[in-house]
N, C-alpha and C. Protein backbone atom coordinates (compact mmCIF):
# COMPACT_ATOMS: atom_id res chain seq x y z
N MET A 1 -70.84 -7.63 -2.95
CA MET A 1 -71.48 -8.93 -3.03
C MET A 1 -70.73 -9.91 -2.15
N TYR A 2 -71.46 -10.58 -1.33
CA TYR A 2 -70.87 -11.54 -0.50
C TYR A 2 -71.09 -12.89 -0.98
N GLY A 3 -70.04 -13.69 -0.92
CA GLY A 3 -70.23 -15.15 -1.31
C GLY A 3 -69.73 -15.61 -2.64
N TYR A 4 -69.30 -14.71 -3.42
CA TYR A 4 -68.83 -15.09 -4.74
C TYR A 4 -67.25 -15.20 -4.74
N ILE A 5 -66.75 -16.22 -5.11
CA ILE A 5 -65.32 -16.54 -5.20
C ILE A 5 -65.04 -16.81 -6.65
N ARG A 6 -64.17 -15.93 -7.36
CA ARG A 6 -63.82 -15.98 -8.71
C ARG A 6 -63.08 -17.27 -9.04
N ASP A 7 -63.56 -17.96 -10.03
CA ASP A 7 -62.95 -19.23 -10.45
C ASP A 7 -61.75 -19.04 -11.48
N GLU A 8 -60.81 -19.93 -11.31
CA GLU A 8 -59.79 -19.99 -12.38
C GLU A 8 -60.36 -20.71 -13.58
N VAL A 9 -60.14 -20.18 -14.72
CA VAL A 9 -60.77 -20.62 -15.92
C VAL A 9 -59.76 -21.45 -16.76
N SER A 10 -60.07 -22.71 -17.08
CA SER A 10 -59.25 -23.49 -17.87
C SER A 10 -59.76 -23.49 -19.33
N PRO A 11 -58.95 -23.80 -20.38
CA PRO A 11 -59.27 -23.78 -21.65
C PRO A 11 -60.55 -24.59 -22.10
N GLU A 12 -60.79 -25.61 -21.43
CA GLU A 12 -61.96 -26.44 -21.74
C GLU A 12 -63.27 -25.91 -21.13
N ASP A 13 -63.25 -24.93 -20.33
CA ASP A 13 -64.44 -24.33 -19.63
C ASP A 13 -65.23 -23.42 -20.61
N TYR A 14 -66.50 -23.43 -20.48
CA TYR A 14 -67.37 -22.43 -21.14
C TYR A 14 -67.26 -21.20 -20.25
N VAL A 15 -67.30 -19.99 -20.83
CA VAL A 15 -67.30 -18.84 -20.05
C VAL A 15 -68.62 -18.12 -20.36
N LEU A 16 -69.39 -17.81 -19.30
CA LEU A 16 -70.68 -17.13 -19.53
C LEU A 16 -70.45 -15.79 -20.18
N GLY A 17 -71.18 -15.55 -21.27
CA GLY A 17 -71.04 -14.27 -21.97
C GLY A 17 -69.84 -14.30 -22.94
N GLY A 18 -69.11 -15.36 -22.98
CA GLY A 18 -67.89 -15.51 -23.83
C GLY A 18 -68.28 -15.84 -25.32
N GLY A 19 -69.51 -16.09 -25.67
CA GLY A 19 -69.82 -16.37 -26.99
C GLY A 19 -69.48 -17.77 -27.46
N TYR A 20 -69.08 -18.69 -26.63
CA TYR A 20 -68.63 -20.00 -26.97
C TYR A 20 -69.82 -21.06 -27.00
N VAL A 21 -70.97 -20.77 -26.41
CA VAL A 21 -72.00 -21.61 -26.39
C VAL A 21 -72.95 -21.45 -27.56
N PRO A 22 -73.16 -22.40 -28.51
CA PRO A 22 -74.05 -22.15 -29.54
C PRO A 22 -75.44 -21.81 -29.12
N GLN A 23 -76.07 -20.88 -29.72
CA GLN A 23 -77.44 -20.53 -29.34
C GLN A 23 -78.28 -20.89 -30.49
N LYS A 24 -79.32 -21.69 -30.19
CA LYS A 24 -80.23 -22.15 -31.20
C LYS A 24 -81.46 -21.28 -31.43
N GLU A 25 -81.85 -20.58 -30.27
CA GLU A 25 -82.99 -19.76 -30.47
C GLU A 25 -82.85 -18.61 -29.32
N THR A 26 -83.53 -17.56 -29.67
CA THR A 26 -83.53 -16.49 -28.67
C THR A 26 -84.76 -16.77 -27.74
N LEU A 27 -84.56 -16.90 -26.52
CA LEU A 27 -85.61 -17.31 -25.57
C LEU A 27 -86.58 -16.13 -25.20
N VAL A 28 -86.05 -14.93 -25.12
CA VAL A 28 -86.91 -13.80 -24.78
C VAL A 28 -86.44 -12.65 -25.81
N GLU A 29 -87.28 -12.54 -26.73
CA GLU A 29 -87.01 -11.59 -27.91
C GLU A 29 -86.52 -10.11 -27.45
N ASP A 30 -87.24 -9.58 -26.37
CA ASP A 30 -86.97 -8.21 -26.05
C ASP A 30 -85.85 -8.15 -24.98
N GLY A 31 -85.35 -9.34 -24.56
CA GLY A 31 -84.28 -9.41 -23.58
C GLY A 31 -84.60 -9.07 -22.17
N ASP A 32 -86.02 -8.81 -21.92
CA ASP A 32 -86.51 -8.51 -20.60
C ASP A 32 -87.08 -9.70 -19.84
N TRP A 33 -86.15 -10.28 -18.96
CA TRP A 33 -86.60 -11.50 -18.24
C TRP A 33 -87.33 -11.24 -16.93
N THR A 34 -87.71 -9.92 -16.72
CA THR A 34 -88.32 -9.63 -15.44
C THR A 34 -89.67 -10.39 -15.17
N ARG A 35 -90.40 -10.63 -16.26
CA ARG A 35 -91.76 -11.33 -16.22
C ARG A 35 -91.54 -12.75 -15.75
N TYR A 36 -90.22 -13.29 -15.83
CA TYR A 36 -89.92 -14.70 -15.40
C TYR A 36 -89.31 -14.82 -14.04
N LEU A 37 -89.15 -13.65 -13.40
CA LEU A 37 -88.41 -13.62 -12.10
C LEU A 37 -89.15 -14.53 -11.10
N PRO A 38 -88.36 -15.22 -10.28
CA PRO A 38 -88.98 -16.09 -9.30
C PRO A 38 -89.61 -15.22 -8.20
N LEU A 39 -90.50 -15.76 -7.43
CA LEU A 39 -91.08 -15.00 -6.28
C LEU A 39 -89.91 -14.68 -5.40
N PHE A 40 -90.07 -13.45 -4.70
CA PHE A 40 -89.02 -12.97 -3.76
C PHE A 40 -88.87 -13.96 -2.75
N GLU A 41 -87.63 -14.29 -2.37
CA GLU A 41 -87.19 -15.16 -1.41
C GLU A 41 -86.09 -14.63 -0.61
N ARG A 42 -86.21 -14.28 0.66
CA ARG A 42 -85.09 -13.70 1.51
C ARG A 42 -84.07 -14.83 1.61
N GLN A 43 -82.85 -14.37 1.39
CA GLN A 43 -81.68 -15.31 1.50
C GLN A 43 -81.60 -15.90 2.93
N ALA A 44 -81.56 -15.09 3.87
CA ALA A 44 -81.57 -15.40 5.30
C ALA A 44 -81.92 -14.20 6.10
N LYS A 45 -82.68 -14.31 7.09
CA LYS A 45 -83.23 -13.08 7.89
C LYS A 45 -82.22 -12.87 8.94
N ASN A 46 -81.68 -13.84 9.73
CA ASN A 46 -81.00 -13.60 10.89
C ASN A 46 -79.49 -13.97 10.79
N PHE A 47 -78.97 -14.30 9.60
CA PHE A 47 -77.63 -14.77 9.49
C PHE A 47 -77.13 -14.54 8.00
N GLU A 48 -75.87 -14.55 7.86
CA GLU A 48 -75.24 -14.44 6.49
C GLU A 48 -74.75 -15.68 6.05
N THR A 49 -75.18 -16.20 4.91
CA THR A 49 -74.80 -17.51 4.34
C THR A 49 -73.43 -17.43 3.49
N ALA A 50 -73.28 -16.22 2.92
CA ALA A 50 -72.26 -15.98 1.89
C ALA A 50 -72.51 -16.97 0.74
N GLY A 51 -73.76 -17.19 0.39
CA GLY A 51 -74.23 -18.27 -0.60
C GLY A 51 -74.68 -17.60 -1.86
N CYS A 52 -74.25 -16.35 -2.22
CA CYS A 52 -74.74 -15.73 -3.54
C CYS A 52 -74.55 -16.62 -4.64
N SER A 53 -73.44 -17.41 -4.67
CA SER A 53 -73.18 -18.21 -5.86
C SER A 53 -74.30 -19.28 -6.04
N VAL A 54 -74.87 -19.70 -4.95
CA VAL A 54 -76.02 -20.66 -4.97
C VAL A 54 -77.32 -19.89 -5.32
N PHE A 55 -77.59 -18.84 -4.60
CA PHE A 55 -78.80 -18.07 -4.78
C PHE A 55 -78.97 -17.56 -6.15
N GLY A 56 -77.92 -16.94 -6.63
CA GLY A 56 -77.90 -16.44 -8.05
C GLY A 56 -78.08 -17.46 -9.14
N THR A 57 -77.43 -18.56 -8.93
CA THR A 57 -77.59 -19.69 -9.90
C THR A 57 -78.95 -20.24 -9.96
N LEU A 58 -79.58 -20.45 -8.82
CA LEU A 58 -80.87 -21.03 -8.71
C LEU A 58 -81.92 -19.98 -9.22
N ASN A 59 -81.69 -18.68 -8.89
CA ASN A 59 -82.61 -17.70 -9.54
C ASN A 59 -82.68 -17.73 -11.04
N ALA A 60 -81.48 -17.78 -11.61
CA ALA A 60 -81.36 -17.85 -13.10
C ALA A 60 -81.97 -19.15 -13.65
N LEU A 61 -81.87 -20.28 -12.94
CA LEU A 61 -82.45 -21.51 -13.47
C LEU A 61 -84.03 -21.48 -13.14
N GLU A 62 -84.40 -20.90 -12.16
CA GLU A 62 -85.88 -20.73 -11.93
C GLU A 62 -86.49 -19.97 -12.96
N MET A 63 -85.88 -18.84 -13.44
CA MET A 63 -86.39 -17.98 -14.44
C MET A 63 -86.41 -18.84 -15.82
N LEU A 64 -85.33 -19.57 -16.04
CA LEU A 64 -85.31 -20.36 -17.32
C LEU A 64 -86.44 -21.38 -17.26
N PHE A 65 -86.59 -22.12 -16.16
CA PHE A 65 -87.67 -23.08 -16.07
C PHE A 65 -89.03 -22.40 -16.31
N ASN A 66 -89.24 -21.30 -15.61
CA ASN A 66 -90.53 -20.54 -15.73
C ASN A 66 -90.75 -20.17 -17.22
N ARG A 67 -89.70 -19.63 -17.98
CA ARG A 67 -89.84 -19.39 -19.39
C ARG A 67 -90.14 -20.65 -20.28
N LEU A 68 -89.53 -21.70 -19.94
CA LEU A 68 -89.58 -22.97 -20.72
C LEU A 68 -90.93 -23.72 -20.43
N THR A 69 -91.33 -23.75 -19.23
CA THR A 69 -92.52 -24.51 -18.80
C THR A 69 -93.68 -23.73 -18.56
N GLY A 70 -93.58 -22.43 -18.36
CA GLY A 70 -94.78 -21.64 -17.90
C GLY A 70 -95.14 -21.84 -16.43
N LYS A 71 -94.32 -22.55 -15.70
CA LYS A 71 -94.62 -22.81 -14.26
C LYS A 71 -93.49 -22.21 -13.48
N GLU A 72 -93.87 -21.76 -12.33
CA GLU A 72 -92.92 -21.33 -11.26
C GLU A 72 -92.31 -22.51 -10.51
N SER A 73 -90.97 -22.44 -10.41
CA SER A 73 -90.27 -23.50 -9.62
C SER A 73 -89.56 -22.80 -8.49
N ASN A 74 -89.32 -23.51 -7.37
CA ASN A 74 -88.62 -22.97 -6.25
C ASN A 74 -87.82 -24.08 -5.69
N PHE A 75 -86.52 -24.09 -6.19
CA PHE A 75 -85.59 -25.13 -5.75
C PHE A 75 -84.95 -24.84 -4.36
N SER A 76 -84.51 -25.89 -3.72
CA SER A 76 -83.93 -25.72 -2.44
C SER A 76 -82.43 -25.19 -2.47
N ASP A 77 -82.28 -23.93 -2.00
CA ASP A 77 -80.99 -23.30 -1.92
C ASP A 77 -80.15 -24.10 -0.92
N ARG A 78 -80.66 -24.52 0.14
CA ARG A 78 -79.96 -25.20 1.17
C ARG A 78 -79.36 -26.54 0.74
N PHE A 79 -80.11 -27.27 -0.04
CA PHE A 79 -79.67 -28.53 -0.66
C PHE A 79 -78.32 -28.36 -1.43
N LEU A 80 -78.43 -27.32 -2.25
CA LEU A 80 -77.27 -27.05 -3.18
C LEU A 80 -76.18 -26.49 -2.32
N TYR A 81 -76.43 -25.63 -1.34
CA TYR A 81 -75.43 -25.03 -0.49
C TYR A 81 -74.61 -26.03 0.23
N ILE A 82 -75.20 -27.05 0.76
CA ILE A 82 -74.68 -28.09 1.53
C ILE A 82 -73.83 -29.03 0.67
N LEU A 83 -74.39 -29.38 -0.51
CA LEU A 83 -73.67 -30.31 -1.43
C LEU A 83 -72.42 -29.64 -2.08
N ALA A 84 -72.61 -28.30 -2.29
CA ALA A 84 -71.40 -27.64 -2.89
C ALA A 84 -70.25 -27.27 -1.85
N GLY A 85 -70.61 -27.51 -0.55
CA GLY A 85 -69.65 -27.18 0.51
C GLY A 85 -69.38 -25.72 0.61
N ILE A 86 -70.40 -24.87 0.42
CA ILE A 86 -70.25 -23.50 0.58
C ILE A 86 -70.24 -23.17 2.03
N ARG A 87 -69.36 -22.30 2.47
CA ARG A 87 -69.26 -21.68 3.82
C ARG A 87 -68.62 -20.39 3.64
N PRO A 88 -68.92 -19.41 4.53
CA PRO A 88 -68.30 -18.07 4.48
C PRO A 88 -66.82 -18.35 4.32
N PRO A 89 -66.20 -17.59 3.52
CA PRO A 89 -66.60 -16.28 2.81
C PRO A 89 -67.34 -16.48 1.44
N GLY A 90 -67.58 -17.74 1.08
CA GLY A 90 -68.28 -17.85 -0.22
C GLY A 90 -67.90 -19.08 -0.97
N GLY A 91 -68.28 -19.18 -2.23
CA GLY A 91 -68.00 -20.35 -3.08
C GLY A 91 -68.02 -20.10 -4.47
N SER A 92 -67.59 -21.06 -5.16
CA SER A 92 -67.40 -21.04 -6.62
C SER A 92 -68.65 -21.27 -7.41
N ALA A 93 -68.98 -20.37 -8.28
CA ALA A 93 -70.17 -20.51 -9.20
C ALA A 93 -69.90 -21.76 -10.06
N HIS A 94 -68.68 -22.01 -10.54
CA HIS A 94 -68.44 -23.21 -11.27
C HIS A 94 -68.71 -24.57 -10.49
N LYS A 95 -68.30 -24.53 -9.24
CA LYS A 95 -68.60 -25.72 -8.38
C LYS A 95 -70.02 -25.90 -8.25
N VAL A 96 -70.79 -24.79 -8.02
CA VAL A 96 -72.27 -24.86 -7.90
C VAL A 96 -72.89 -25.48 -9.13
N ALA A 97 -72.46 -25.01 -10.32
CA ALA A 97 -73.03 -25.67 -11.55
C ALA A 97 -72.68 -27.14 -11.66
N GLU A 98 -71.50 -27.50 -11.35
CA GLU A 98 -71.09 -28.91 -11.37
C GLU A 98 -71.87 -29.80 -10.38
N VAL A 99 -72.11 -29.24 -9.26
CA VAL A 99 -72.93 -29.92 -8.21
C VAL A 99 -74.39 -30.25 -8.76
N ILE A 100 -75.01 -29.15 -9.39
CA ILE A 100 -76.26 -29.35 -10.03
C ILE A 100 -76.18 -30.38 -11.10
N ARG A 101 -75.20 -30.31 -11.92
CA ARG A 101 -75.06 -31.35 -13.02
C ARG A 101 -75.00 -32.79 -12.46
N ASP A 102 -74.17 -32.90 -11.33
CA ASP A 102 -74.02 -34.28 -10.82
C ASP A 102 -75.06 -34.74 -9.93
N ASN A 103 -75.85 -33.80 -9.31
CA ASN A 103 -76.85 -34.28 -8.15
C ASN A 103 -78.20 -33.76 -8.51
N GLY A 104 -78.40 -32.89 -9.45
CA GLY A 104 -79.76 -32.33 -9.70
C GLY A 104 -80.25 -31.42 -8.60
N LEU A 105 -81.59 -31.19 -8.54
CA LEU A 105 -82.06 -30.26 -7.60
C LEU A 105 -83.36 -30.92 -6.95
N ILE A 106 -83.71 -30.39 -5.75
CA ILE A 106 -84.93 -30.71 -5.13
C ILE A 106 -85.81 -29.42 -4.83
N LEU A 107 -86.96 -29.61 -4.57
CA LEU A 107 -87.88 -28.43 -4.25
C LEU A 107 -87.54 -27.87 -2.85
N GLU A 108 -87.79 -26.54 -2.67
CA GLU A 108 -87.53 -25.87 -1.53
C GLU A 108 -88.20 -26.45 -0.27
N ASP A 109 -89.47 -27.01 -0.39
CA ASP A 109 -90.12 -27.50 0.68
C ASP A 109 -89.42 -28.72 1.33
N LYS A 110 -88.62 -29.40 0.58
CA LYS A 110 -87.94 -30.62 1.04
C LYS A 110 -86.77 -30.29 2.01
N LEU A 111 -86.23 -29.12 1.70
CA LEU A 111 -85.11 -28.65 2.65
C LEU A 111 -85.15 -27.13 2.61
N PRO A 112 -86.10 -26.50 3.48
CA PRO A 112 -86.29 -25.15 3.47
C PRO A 112 -85.28 -24.34 4.23
N MET A 113 -85.42 -23.03 4.20
CA MET A 113 -84.63 -22.07 5.00
C MET A 113 -84.83 -22.39 6.50
N THR A 114 -83.81 -22.08 7.24
CA THR A 114 -83.83 -22.31 8.79
C THR A 114 -83.74 -20.94 9.48
N LYS A 115 -83.82 -20.95 10.82
CA LYS A 115 -83.73 -19.85 11.59
C LYS A 115 -82.27 -19.55 12.03
N THR A 116 -81.37 -20.49 11.98
CA THR A 116 -80.05 -20.30 12.37
C THR A 116 -79.13 -20.86 11.35
N PHE A 117 -77.81 -20.35 11.24
CA PHE A 117 -76.85 -20.92 10.42
C PHE A 117 -76.40 -22.25 10.75
N ASP A 118 -76.42 -22.60 12.03
CA ASP A 118 -76.01 -24.02 12.47
C ASP A 118 -77.02 -25.04 11.88
N ASP A 119 -78.26 -24.68 11.88
CA ASP A 119 -79.30 -25.55 11.34
C ASP A 119 -79.22 -25.58 9.77
N TYR A 120 -78.91 -24.35 9.21
CA TYR A 120 -78.88 -24.29 7.71
C TYR A 120 -77.93 -25.27 7.17
N ILE A 121 -76.79 -25.52 7.74
CA ILE A 121 -75.77 -26.42 7.23
C ILE A 121 -75.95 -27.90 7.50
N LYS A 122 -77.14 -28.19 8.03
CA LYS A 122 -77.44 -29.59 8.28
C LYS A 122 -78.65 -30.00 7.41
N PRO A 123 -78.79 -31.16 7.14
CA PRO A 123 -77.95 -32.26 7.38
C PRO A 123 -76.77 -32.49 6.45
N ASP A 124 -75.70 -32.73 7.02
CA ASP A 124 -74.46 -32.84 6.19
C ASP A 124 -73.74 -34.14 6.69
N PRO A 125 -73.75 -35.23 5.95
CA PRO A 125 -74.15 -35.32 4.56
C PRO A 125 -75.63 -35.32 4.33
N ILE A 126 -76.03 -34.97 3.07
CA ILE A 126 -77.44 -34.99 2.65
C ILE A 126 -77.85 -36.47 2.69
N PRO A 127 -79.11 -36.69 3.23
CA PRO A 127 -79.59 -38.08 3.30
C PRO A 127 -79.82 -38.63 1.82
N VAL A 128 -79.74 -39.90 1.82
CA VAL A 128 -79.72 -40.61 0.50
C VAL A 128 -81.15 -40.43 -0.21
N ASP A 129 -82.16 -40.43 0.51
CA ASP A 129 -83.53 -40.16 -0.09
C ASP A 129 -83.59 -38.85 -0.80
N LEU A 130 -82.93 -37.78 -0.28
CA LEU A 130 -82.89 -36.50 -1.00
C LEU A 130 -81.99 -36.47 -2.22
N LEU A 131 -80.92 -37.19 -2.09
CA LEU A 131 -79.95 -37.25 -3.17
C LEU A 131 -80.67 -38.08 -4.38
N ILE A 132 -81.43 -39.08 -4.05
CA ILE A 132 -82.21 -39.80 -5.09
C ILE A 132 -83.25 -38.87 -5.74
N GLU A 133 -83.95 -38.18 -4.88
CA GLU A 133 -84.94 -37.29 -5.35
C GLU A 133 -84.34 -36.19 -6.33
N GLY A 134 -83.15 -35.74 -5.97
CA GLY A 134 -82.41 -34.69 -6.87
C GLY A 134 -82.18 -35.31 -8.30
N GLN A 135 -82.04 -36.62 -8.36
CA GLN A 135 -81.68 -37.14 -9.66
C GLN A 135 -83.02 -37.40 -10.51
N HIS A 136 -84.15 -37.14 -9.98
CA HIS A 136 -85.38 -37.34 -10.81
C HIS A 136 -86.01 -36.14 -11.25
């Protein structure tokens, strides 16, 4: 797997699968989330982003939104990638989650995939109008 950098865990952090987050309800009784999978989206055709921490997190969130709302969502990987400062060899899943918490998300069509890596990491910084949109 390219792009995942293991985080140092501090005592106040939640650990996924650690049993520390109270669960109020079971969202998928049979545990099979495949019916909520987002549409296939190639990470990048002509270059390696090392952004699996972004792609994996957004896939999980898109599945959750699909389950909760019954609607498919497609959030911009590039928006989150730039804001989280991801660059090869990869990035922190914790940082990705914190960036989402602090900045929100925008839809893919607002900042879509590009043909080159140089274009993918632009605009940096993210324009104010997109940052405002992420908060809504």
